[in-house]
Amino acid sequence: MYLGRFLRIVMTMGAALIVASAMATTPASAVPPTPATSSASNSPMGKSSLLNRQARSDAELREQIALQLKIAPGGKQTSRNEVSYGNGKFVVTYALPGPRAIAGDADCPSGWFCFYQDINWGYPRGKLQDCGTQDLGAWGWKDRTSSVDNSTDSAVFYSSLGGEVLIRNWARRAIAWVGANANDRAEYVDHQC
């Protein structure tokens, strides 16, 4: 008699656990953050509030450019919203002030591969075209990649400090969100050409 009641209680609890687990079947990693949410959780130098959003004014854009040059010295401002390193080897572009650009387009120029700080190709954007492995931290871009666009004819791999390949960006492909495992973790890029 008590055994039967005990078994019913255990069965009811088991059924409740099955229902609860079925309700939570969508993993958090399967759903990208909303476009209004910035991805720069690990922004360099703790300046995420300025680097991870579109400038509201020309003065704020100038602050973003100055901060980029502070984080990664050796660059040169080449236009109102761009900083270039190594005579154009690496270029970082910030969004111009104006109407808020929530989501962008995969707009990497032909022959370059680009990485964006926000999902859906949201600026700022870094772009490279050299072959081989490069340290993104050299340009202040460590742990800042949330979407990528490869406009070259060869693959580009993004990896962590330990060498784990986080993102495989095949030739002529764009990825709107790199996924929870890779978001804001890339430290190196390897252009396979």
C-alpha atoms as a PDB file:
ATOM      1  CA  MET A   1       0.000   0.000   0.000  1.00  0.00           C
ATOM      2  CA  TYR A   2       2.725   2.469   0.936  1.00  0.00           C
ATOM      3  CA  LEU A   3       4.897   1.155  -1.872  1.00  0.00           C
ATOM      4  CA  GLY A   4       2.158   1.894  -4.419  1.00  0.00           C
ATOM      5  CA  ARG A   5       1.708   5.449  -3.137  1.00  0.00           C
ATOM      6  CA  PHE A   6       5.482   5.944  -3.142  1.00  0.00           C
ATOM      7  CA  LEU A   7       5.722   4.743  -6.752  1.00  0.00           C
ATOM      8  CA  ARG A   8       2.910   7.127  -7.841  1.00  0.00           C
ATOM      9  CA  ILE A   9       4.733  10.068  -6.217  1.00  0.00           C
ATOM     10  CA  VAL A  10       8.017   9.126  -7.889  1.00  0.00           C
ATOM     11  CA  MET A  11       6.270   8.698 -11.268  1.00  0.00           C
ATOM     12  CA  THR A  12       4.539  12.089 -10.913  1.00  0.00           C
ATOM     13  CA  MET A  13       7.825  13.798 -10.057  1.00  0.00           C
ATOM     14  CA  GLY A  14       9.526  12.098 -13.015  1.00  0.00           C
ATOM     15  CA  ALA A  15       6.780  13.249 -15.381  1.00  0.00           C
ATOM     16  CA  ALA A  16       7.076  16.809 -14.053  1.00  0.00           C
ATOM     17  CA  LEU A  17      10.828  16.756 -14.689  1.00  0.00           C
ATOM     18  CA  ILE A  18      10.310  15.494 -18.245  1.00  0.00           C
ATOM     19  CA  VAL A  19       7.786  18.270 -18.954  1.00  0.00           C
ATOM     20  CA  ALA A  20      10.108  20.899 -17.463  1.00  0.00           C
ATOM     21  CA  SER A  21      13.062  19.714 -19.525  1.00  0.00           C
ATOM     22  CA  ALA A  22      10.951  19.638 -22.693  1.00  0.00           C
ATOM     23  CA  MET A  23       9.959  23.259 -22.102  1.00  0.00           C
ATOM     24  CA  ALA A  24      13.626  24.251 -21.938  1.00  0.00           C
ATOM     25  CA  THR A  25      14.784  22.523 -25.135  1.00  0.00           C
ATOM     26  CA  THR A  26      16.018  25.642 -26.921  1.00  0.00           C
ATOM     27  CA  PRO A  27      19.598  26.228 -25.763  1.00  0.00           C
ATOM     28  CA  ALA A  28      20.623  29.830 -25.172  1.00  0.00           C
ATOM     29  CA  SER A  29      23.399  29.399 -27.716  1.00  0.00           C
ATOM     30  CA  ALA A  30      20.879  28.755 -30.495  1.00  0.00           C
ATOM     31  CA  VAL A  31      19.366  32.204 -30.243  1.00  0.00           C
ATOM     32  CA  PRO A  32      21.577  35.183 -31.157  1.00  0.00           C
ATOM     33  CA  PRO A  33      21.344  38.333 -29.074  1.00  0.00           C
ATOM     34  CA  THR A  34      18.975  41.002 -30.295  1.00  0.00           C
ATOM     35  CA  PRO A  35      20.541  43.536 -32.665  1.00  0.00           C
ATOM     36  CA  ALA A  36      20.144  46.310 -30.105  1.00  0.00           C
ATOM     37  CA  THR A  37      22.415  44.385 -27.748  1.00  0.00           C
ATOM     38  CA  SER A  38      26.075  45.058 -28.252  1.00  0.00           C
ATOM     39  CA  SER A  39      28.458  42.172 -28.386  1.00  0.00           C
ATOM     40  CA  ALA A  40      31.502  43.844 -26.924  1.00  0.00           C
ATOM     41  CA  SER A  41      31.256  42.263 -23.509  1.00  0.00           C
ATOM     42  CA  ASN A  42      35.023  41.880 -23.433  1.00  0.00           C
ATOM     43  CA  SER A  43      35.929  45.165 -25.089  1.00  0.00           C
ATOM     44  CA  PRO A  44      39.502  46.259 -24.761  1.00  0.00           C
ATOM     45  CA  MET A  45      40.505  48.500 -21.890  1.00  0.00           C
ATOM     46  CA  GLY A  46      36.998  48.430 -20.396  1.00  0.00           C
ATOM     47  CA  LYS A  47      35.805  51.129 -22.811  1.00  0.00           C
ATOM     48  CA  SER A  48      32.898  49.114 -24.166  1.00  0.00           C
ATOM     49  CA  SER A  49      30.377  51.911 -23.684  1.00  0.00           C
ATOM     50  CA  LEU A  50      32.103  54.003 -26.356  1.00  0.00           C
ATOM     51  CA  LEU A  51      33.496  51.341 -28.687  1.00  0.00           C
ATOM     52  CA  ASN A  52      30.458  49.117 -28.906  1.00  0.00           C
ATOM     53  CA  ARG A  53      27.906  51.591 -30.169  1.00  0.00           C
ATOM     54  CA  GLN A  54      27.399  53.941 -33.046  1.00  0.00           C
ATOM     55  CA  ALA A  55      28.661  57.462 -32.369  1.00  0.00           C
ATOM     56  CA  ARG A  56      25.861  59.925 -31.663  1.00  0.00           C
ATOM     57  CA  SER A  57      27.831  62.921 -32.907  1.00  0.00           C
ATOM     58  CA  ASP A  58      30.996  63.910 -34.741  1.00  0.00           C
ATOM     59  CA  ALA A  59      32.624  64.617 -31.379  1.00  0.00           C
ATOM     60  CA  GLU A  60      31.862  61.088 -30.197  1.00  0.00           C
ATOM     61  CA  LEU A  61      33.212  59.632 -33.461  1.00  0.00           C
ATOM     62  CA  ARG A  62      36.447  61.547 -32.853  1.00  0.00           C
ATOM     63  CA  GLU A  63      36.545  60.010 -29.343  1.00  0.00           C
ATOM     64  CA  GLN A  64      36.124  56.523 -30.843  1.00  0.00           C
ATOM     65  CA  ILE A  65      38.978  57.133 -33.296  1.00  0.00           C
ATOM     66  CA  ALA A  66      41.184  58.490 -30.484  1.00  0.00           C
ATOM     67  CA  LEU A  67      40.385  55.465 -28.319  1.00  0.00           C
ATOM     68  CA  GLN A  68      41.191  53.089 -31.199  1.00  0.00           C
ATOM     69  CA  LEU A  69      44.583  54.796 -31.588  1.00  0.00           C
ATOM     70  CA  LYS A  70      45.154  54.572 -27.838  1.00  0.00           C
ATOM     71  CA  ILE A  71      44.282  50.862 -27.687  1.00  0.00           C
ATOM     72  CA  ALA A  72      46.428  50.063 -30.725  1.00  0.00           C
ATOM     73  CA  PRO A  73      49.112  52.738 -31.214  1.00  0.00           C
ATOM     74  CA  GLY A  74      50.796  53.103 -34.582  1.00  0.00           C
ATOM     75  CA  GLY A  75      47.699  53.653 -36.685  1.00  0.00           C
ATOM     76  CA  LYS A  76      46.853  56.685 -38.748  1.00  0.00           C
ATOM     77  CA  GLN A  77      43.446  58.246 -39.253  1.00  0.00           C
ATOM     78  CA  THR A  78      42.858  57.992 -43.009  1.00  0.00           C
ATOM     79  CA  SER A  79      39.293  59.290 -43.203  1.00  0.00           C
ATOM     80  CA  ARG A  80      36.637  60.702 -40.934  1.00  0.00           C
ATOM     81  CA  ASN A  81      35.756  57.246 -39.593  1.00  0.00           C
ATOM     82  CA  GLU A  82      38.754  55.028 -40.429  1.00  0.00           C
ATOM     83  CA  VAL A  83      42.102  54.161 -38.890  1.00  0.00           C
ATOM     84  CA  SER A  84      44.716  52.352 -40.964  1.00  0.00           C
ATOM     85  CA  TYR A  85      47.710  50.334 -39.766  1.00  0.00           C
ATOM     86  CA  GLY A  86      50.813  49.218 -41.637  1.00  0.00           C
ATOM     87  CA  ASN A  87      50.158  51.373 -44.723  1.00  0.00           C
ATOM     88  CA  GLY A  88      46.681  49.907 -45.161  1.00  0.00           C
ATOM     89  CA  LYS A  89      47.439  46.337 -44.084  1.00  0.00           C
ATOM     90  CA  PHE A  90      44.670  46.543 -41.475  1.00  0.00           C
ATOM     91  CA  VAL A  91      41.816  49.064 -41.526  1.00  0.00           C
ATOM     92  CA  VAL A  92      39.197  49.633 -38.834  1.00  0.00           C
ATOM     93  CA  THR A  93      36.030  51.511 -39.794  1.00  0.00           C
ATOM     94  CA  TYR A  94      33.531  53.024 -37.357  1.00  0.00           C
ATOM     95  CA  ALA A  95      29.903  53.781 -38.216  1.00  0.00           C
ATOM     96  CA  LEU A  96      29.218  57.410 -39.048  1.00  0.00           C
ATOM     97  CA  PRO A  97      26.903  59.365 -36.753  1.00  0.00           C
ATOM     98  CA  GLY A  98      23.333  59.592 -37.956  1.00  0.00           C
ATOM     99  CA  PRO A  99      20.243  57.425 -37.848  1.00  0.00           C
ATOM    100  CA  ARG A 100      20.963  54.410 -35.707  1.00  0.00           C
ATOM    101  CA  ALA A 101      22.253  51.516 -37.774  1.00  0.00           C
ATOM    102  CA  ILE A 102      20.848  48.487 -35.936  1.00  0.00           C
ATOM    103  CA  ALA A 103      21.958  45.913 -38.474  1.00  0.00           C
ATOM    104  CA  GLY A 104      24.311  46.194 -41.370  1.00  0.00           C
ATOM    105  CA  ASP A 105      25.039  44.344 -44.557  1.00  0.00           C
ATOM    106  CA  ALA A 106      27.924  42.049 -45.335  1.00  0.00           C
ATOM    107  CA  ASP A 107      29.920  44.779 -47.063  1.00  0.00           C
ATOM    108  CA  CYS A 108      33.501  43.570 -47.133  1.00  0.00           C
ATOM    109  CA  PRO A 109      35.319  44.796 -50.276  1.00  0.00           C
ATOM    110  CA  SER A 110      36.443  42.170 -52.784  1.00  0.00           C
ATOM    111  CA  GLY A 111      39.840  40.702 -51.918  1.00  0.00           C
ATOM    112  CA  TRP A 112      39.493  41.475 -48.188  1.00  0.00           C
ATOM    113  CA  PHE A 113      38.136  39.549 -45.219  1.00  0.00           C
ATOM    114  CA  CYS A 114      36.257  41.498 -42.573  1.00  0.00           C
ATOM    115  CA  PHE A 115      35.197  40.990 -38.989  1.00  0.00           C
ATOM    116  CA  TYR A 116      32.566  43.030 -37.227  1.00  0.00           C
ATOM    117  CA  GLN A 117      32.148  43.855 -33.583  1.00  0.00           C
ATOM    118  CA  ASP A 118      28.385  43.321 -33.640  1.00  0.00           C
ATOM    119  CA  ILE A 119      26.090  40.676 -35.041  1.00  0.00           C
ATOM    120  CA  ASN A 120      24.562  41.186 -38.485  1.00  0.00           C
ATOM    121  CA  TRP A 121      27.723  42.964 -39.662  1.00  0.00           C
ATOM    122  CA  GLY A 122      27.325  45.846 -37.222  1.00  0.00           C
ATOM    123  CA  TYR A 123      30.204  48.289 -37.085  1.00  0.00           C
ATOM    124  CA  PRO A 124      32.944  48.861 -36.138  1.00  0.00           C
ATOM    125  CA  ARG A 125      34.524  46.677 -38.809  1.00  0.00           C
ATOM    126  CA  GLY A 126      38.097  45.449 -39.151  1.00  0.00           C
ATOM    127  CA  LYS A 127      39.456  44.316 -42.506  1.00  0.00           C
ATOM    128  CA  LEU A 128      42.589  42.475 -43.623  1.00  0.00           C
ATOM    129  CA  GLN A 129      43.841  40.852 -46.805  1.00  0.00           C
ATOM    130  CA  ASP A 130      47.252  39.373 -45.941  1.00  0.00           C
ATOM    131  CA  CYS A 131      47.855  35.622 -45.901  1.00  0.00           C
ATOM    132  CA  GLY A 132      48.960  33.696 -42.840  1.00  0.00           C
ATOM    133  CA  THR A 133      48.295  34.014 -39.125  1.00  0.00           C
ATOM    134  CA  GLN A 134      47.883  37.432 -37.539  1.00  0.00           C
ATOM    135  CA  ASP A 135      47.328  38.569 -33.963  1.00  0.00           C
ATOM    136  CA  LEU A 136      44.102  40.585 -33.777  1.00  0.00           C
ATOM    137  CA  GLY A 137      45.268  42.087 -30.490  1.00  0.00           C
ATOM    138  CA  ALA A 138      47.987  43.995 -32.359  1.00  0.00           C
ATOM    139  CA  TRP A 139      45.219  46.248 -33.705  1.00  0.00           C
ATOM    140  CA  GLY A 140      43.047  46.317 -30.600  1.00  0.00           C
ATOM    141  CA  TRP A 141      40.650  43.725 -32.031  1.00  0.00           C
ATOM    142  CA  LYS A 142      41.170  40.877 -29.541  1.00  0.00           C
ATOM    143  CA  ASP A 143      37.843  39.394 -28.347  1.00  0.00           C
ATOM    144  CA  ARG A 144      35.702  41.739 -30.470  1.00  0.00           C
ATOM    145  CA  THR A 145      34.375  39.562 -33.330  1.00  0.00           C
ATOM    146  CA  SER A 146      30.651  38.746 -33.598  1.00  0.00           C
ATOM    147  CA  SER A 147      30.115  38.446 -37.380  1.00  0.00           C
ATOM    148  CA  VAL A 148      32.409  37.939 -40.363  1.00  0.00           C
ATOM    149  CA  ASP A 149      32.470  38.381 -44.146  1.00  0.00           C
ATOM    150  CA  ASN A 150      35.080  36.731 -46.368  1.00  0.00           C
ATOM    151  CA  SER A 151      35.344  38.333 -49.827  1.00  0.00           C
ATOM    152  CA  THR A 152      38.450  36.357 -50.820  1.00  0.00           C
ATOM    153  CA  ASP A 153      38.913  33.108 -52.732  1.00  0.00           C
ATOM    154  CA  SER A 154      40.317  31.212 -49.740  1.00  0.00           C
ATOM    155  CA  ALA A 155      39.266  30.227 -46.229  1.00  0.00           C
ATOM    156  CA  VAL A 156      39.816  32.316 -43.106  1.00  0.00           C
ATOM    157  CA  PHE A 157      39.997  30.702 -39.650  1.00  0.00           C
ATOM    158  CA  TYR A 158      39.603  32.597 -36.377  1.00  0.00           C
ATOM    159  CA  SER A 159      41.070  31.032 -33.247  1.00  0.00           C
ATOM    160  CA  SER A 160      41.454  31.524 -29.511  1.00  0.00           C
ATOM    161  CA  LEU A 161      44.686  32.083 -27.618  1.00  0.00           C
ATOM    162  CA  GLY A 162      44.981  28.328 -27.061  1.00  0.00           C
ATOM    163  CA  GLY A 163      44.670  27.619 -30.792  1.00  0.00           C
ATOM    164  CA  GLU A 164      41.066  26.385 -30.790  1.00  0.00           C
ATOM    165  CA  VAL A 165      39.482  27.185 -34.159  1.00  0.00           C
ATOM    166  CA  LEU A 166      36.352  29.140 -33.300  1.00  0.00           C
ATOM    167  CA  ILE A 167      35.146  30.303 -36.715  1.00  0.00           C
ATOM    168  CA  ARG A 168      35.625  28.750 -40.151  1.00  0.00           C
ATOM    169  CA  ASN A 169      34.806  31.419 -42.733  1.00  0.00           C
ATOM    170  CA  TRP A 170      34.912  29.798 -46.161  1.00  0.00           C
ATOM    171  CA  ALA A 171      35.667  31.691 -49.387  1.00  0.00           C
ATOM    172  CA  ARG A 172      33.001  34.186 -50.471  1.00  0.00           C
ATOM    173  CA  ARG A 173      30.843  33.540 -47.394  1.00  0.00           C
ATOM    174  CA  ALA A 174      29.411  35.778 -44.691  1.00  0.00           C
ATOM    175  CA  ILE A 175      28.289  34.771 -41.196  1.00  0.00           C
ATOM    176  CA  ALA A 176      25.788  37.100 -39.482  1.00  0.00           C
ATOM    177  CA  TRP A 177      26.510  35.723 -35.996  1.00  0.00           C
ATOM    178  CA  VAL A 178      29.451  33.494 -35.130  1.00  0.00           C
ATOM    179  CA  GLY A 179      27.561  31.730 -32.317  1.00  0.00           C
ATOM    180  CA  ALA A 180      27.796  31.733 -28.552  1.00  0.00           C
ATOM    181  CA  ASN A 181      30.960  29.599 -28.407  1.00  0.00           C
ATOM    182  CA  ALA A 182      32.935  31.967 -30.659  1.00  0.00           C
ATOM    183  CA  ASN A 183      31.366  35.351 -29.899  1.00  0.00           C
ATOM    184  CA  ASP A 184      33.956  37.861 -28.656  1.00  0.00           C
ATOM    185  CA  ARG A 185      36.656  35.170 -28.320  1.00  0.00           C
ATOM    186  CA  ALA A 186      38.770  35.374 -31.488  1.00  0.00           C
ATOM    187  CA  GLU A 187      42.361  36.420 -30.865  1.00  0.00           C
ATOM    188  CA  TYR A 188      44.054  35.229 -34.058  1.00  0.00           C
ATOM    189  CA  VAL A 189      43.067  35.043 -37.700  1.00  0.00           C
ATOM    190  CA  ASP A 190      44.616  32.749 -40.285  1.00  0.00           C
ATOM    191  CA  HIS A 191      44.014  33.509 -43.967  1.00  0.00           C
ATOM    192  CA  GLN A 192      44.635  30.225 -45.822  1.00  0.00           C
ATOM    193  CA  CYS A 193      46.206  31.440 -49.079  1.00  0.00           C
END
